[in-house]
Structures are given as structure tokens and as C-alpha cells.
Amino acid sequence: MEEPTPAVRPARPDDLPRLVELIHEHIAYDRLGANGLPKRRYGWPV
């Protein structure tokens, strides 16, 4: 039986700029609430 082709390929150095961009977008999205304003955590703005 043949092994299936993996769904995820190993990262390459050329992938780094896009990975950094995605991480920054994720952090920015996580820090903003649904109204576009910063979330408050433990009573302090982030």
C-alpha cells in the first residue's frame, strides 16, 4: 500500500516573510475586540 502524500510540506526559507506577516496579523487581530478597539485584560488595556 502506498503512503499518502502529506498535506503539509516542510517550511522553506522563502516562506519566512509570509509567516511573519501572518503572525503579526494574528497578534493584531487577537488584541482587538469585535468593535476594533483594544481588548481589556485584567483591567489594563493591551
C-alpha atoms as a PDB file:
ATOM      1  CA  MET A   1       0.000   0.000   0.000  1.00  0.00           C
ATOM      2  CA  GLU A   2       1.354   3.437  -0.924  1.00  0.00           C
ATOM      3  CA  GLU A   3       1.783   6.094   1.713  1.00  0.00           C
ATOM      4  CA  PRO A   4      -0.429   9.132   1.162  1.00  0.00           C
ATOM      5  CA  THR A   5       1.162  12.427   0.175  1.00  0.00           C
ATOM      6  CA  PRO A   6       1.495  14.607   3.285  1.00  0.00           C
ATOM      7  CA  ALA A   7      -0.971  17.514   3.433  1.00  0.00           C
ATOM      8  CA  VAL A   8       1.667  19.825   4.898  1.00  0.00           C
ATOM      9  CA  ARG A   9       5.077  20.310   3.384  1.00  0.00           C
ATOM     10  CA  PRO A  10       8.143  21.325   5.385  1.00  0.00           C
ATOM     11  CA  ALA A  11       8.688  25.087   5.564  1.00  0.00           C
ATOM     12  CA  ARG A  12      11.313  26.637   3.325  1.00  0.00           C
ATOM     13  CA  PRO A  13      13.372  29.792   3.944  1.00  0.00           C
ATOM     14  CA  ASP A  14      11.307  31.590   1.272  1.00  0.00           C
ATOM     15  CA  ASP A  15       8.209  31.070   3.451  1.00  0.00           C
ATOM     16  CA  LEU A  16       9.550  33.174   6.329  1.00  0.00           C
ATOM     17  CA  PRO A  17       8.347  36.650   5.222  1.00  0.00           C
ATOM     18  CA  ARG A  18       4.774  35.410   4.776  1.00  0.00           C
ATOM     19  CA  LEU A  19       4.854  33.506   8.061  1.00  0.00           C
ATOM     20  CA  VAL A  20       5.990  36.645   9.884  1.00  0.00           C
ATOM     21  CA  GLU A  21       3.205  38.633   8.208  1.00  0.00           C
ATOM     22  CA  LEU A  22       0.587  36.063   9.240  1.00  0.00           C
ATOM     23  CA  ILE A  23       1.831  36.038  12.834  1.00  0.00           C
ATOM     24  CA  HIS A  24       1.666  39.848  13.022  1.00  0.00           C
ATOM     25  CA  GLU A  25      -1.872  39.814  11.602  1.00  0.00           C
ATOM     26  CA  HIS A  26      -2.917  37.174  14.113  1.00  0.00           C
ATOM     27  CA  ILE A  27      -1.490  39.130  17.048  1.00  0.00           C
ATOM     28  CA  ALA A  28      -3.149  42.355  15.880  1.00  0.00           C
ATOM     29  CA  TYR A  29      -6.488  40.566  15.430  1.00  0.00           C
ATOM     30  CA  ASP A  30      -6.193  38.918  18.833  1.00  0.00           C
ATOM     31  CA  ARG A  31      -5.525  42.264  20.536  1.00  0.00           C
ATOM     32  CA  LEU A  32      -8.579  43.947  19.014  1.00  0.00           C
ATOM     33  CA  GLY A  33     -12.157  43.305  20.026  1.00  0.00           C
ATOM     34  CA  ALA A  34     -15.098  42.998  17.659  1.00  0.00           C
ATOM     35  CA  ASN A  35     -15.524  46.784  17.726  1.00  0.00           C
ATOM     36  CA  GLY A  36     -11.941  47.386  16.555  1.00  0.00           C
ATOM     37  CA  LEU A  37     -10.854  48.748  19.931  1.00  0.00           C
ATOM     38  CA  PRO A  38      -8.189  47.111  22.092  1.00  0.00           C
ATOM     39  CA  LYS A  39      -9.437  44.388  24.428  1.00  0.00           C
ATOM     40  CA  ARG A  40      -9.022  44.939  28.127  1.00  0.00           C
ATOM     41  CA  ARG A  41      -7.277  42.183  30.015  1.00  0.00           C
ATOM     42  CA  TYR A  42      -7.184  42.180  33.779  1.00  0.00           C
ATOM     43  CA  GLY A  43      -8.456  45.770  33.741  1.00  0.00           C
ATOM     44  CA  TRP A  44      -5.497  47.082  31.725  1.00  0.00           C
ATOM     45  CA  PRO A  45      -5.509  47.909  28.030  1.00  0.00           C
ATOM     46  CA  VAL A  46      -3.231  45.718  25.960  1.00  0.00           C
END
